[in-house]
Protein backbone atom coordinates (compact mmCIF):
# COMPACT_ATOMS: atom_id res chain seq x y z
CA MET A 1 58.45 134.01 163.77
CA LYS A 2 59.26 130.51 164.93
CA ASP A 3 58.70 129.16 161.42
CA LYS A 4 61.16 131.68 159.96
CA ILE A 5 63.82 130.62 162.46
CA ILE A 6 63.27 126.95 161.65
CA ASN A 7 63.44 127.58 157.89
CA THR A 8 66.63 129.59 158.32
CA LEU A 9 68.25 126.79 160.35
CA LYS A 10 67.20 124.21 157.69
CA LEU A 11 68.88 126.30 154.99
CA ALA A 12 72.06 126.83 157.00
CA LYS A 13 74.94 124.49 156.25
CA LYS A 14 78.33 123.87 157.76
CA PRO A 15 81.05 125.69 155.77
CA SER A 16 83.73 123.65 154.05
CA LYS A 17 87.25 123.83 155.39
CA ARG A 18 88.28 126.16 152.55
CA GLU A 19 85.34 128.50 153.25
CA PHE A 20 86.14 128.51 156.95
CA ILE A 21 89.78 129.41 156.28
CA GLU A 22 88.73 132.26 153.94
CA TYR A 23 86.26 133.65 156.46
CA THR A 24 88.91 133.42 159.20
CA LYS A 25 91.48 135.28 157.04
CA LEU A 26 88.92 138.05 156.31
CA ILE A 27 88.06 138.41 159.96
CA PHE A 28 91.70 138.73 160.96
CA ILE A 29 92.34 141.21 158.19
CA GLY A 30 89.39 143.30 159.42
CA ILE A 31 90.56 143.17 163.01
CA GLY A 32 94.07 144.14 161.91
CA LEU A 33 92.79 147.08 159.89
CA LEU A 34 90.65 148.38 162.74
CA GLY A 35 93.51 148.02 165.18
CA SER A 36 95.88 149.81 162.81
CA ILE A 37 93.41 152.70 162.33
CA GLY A 38 92.96 152.96 166.10
CA PHE A 39 96.72 152.96 166.67
CA VAL A 40 97.29 155.68 164.09
CA ILE A 41 94.54 157.81 165.63
CA TRP A 42 95.97 157.29 169.08
CA TYR A 43 99.51 158.10 167.93
CA ILE A 44 98.33 161.31 166.18
CA PHE A 45 96.51 162.47 169.30
CA ASP A 46 99.52 161.54 171.44
CA LEU A 47 101.78 163.74 169.28
CA PHE A 48 99.51 166.82 169.62
CA ILE A 49 98.48 166.40 173.23
CA VAL A 50 101.65 166.61 175.27
CA VAL A 51 101.05 166.57 179.02
């Protein structure tokens, strides 16, 4: 187990600036999509459940 972790760390490399920016954009797009879906679901339930 320890050897597998060491080998994985040896293979890992620091991403370039361009890769980092691309990953960051994808993460923010994913967070935005999940937030939008959650908002739509909340809004739909809010329309049907009037207290």
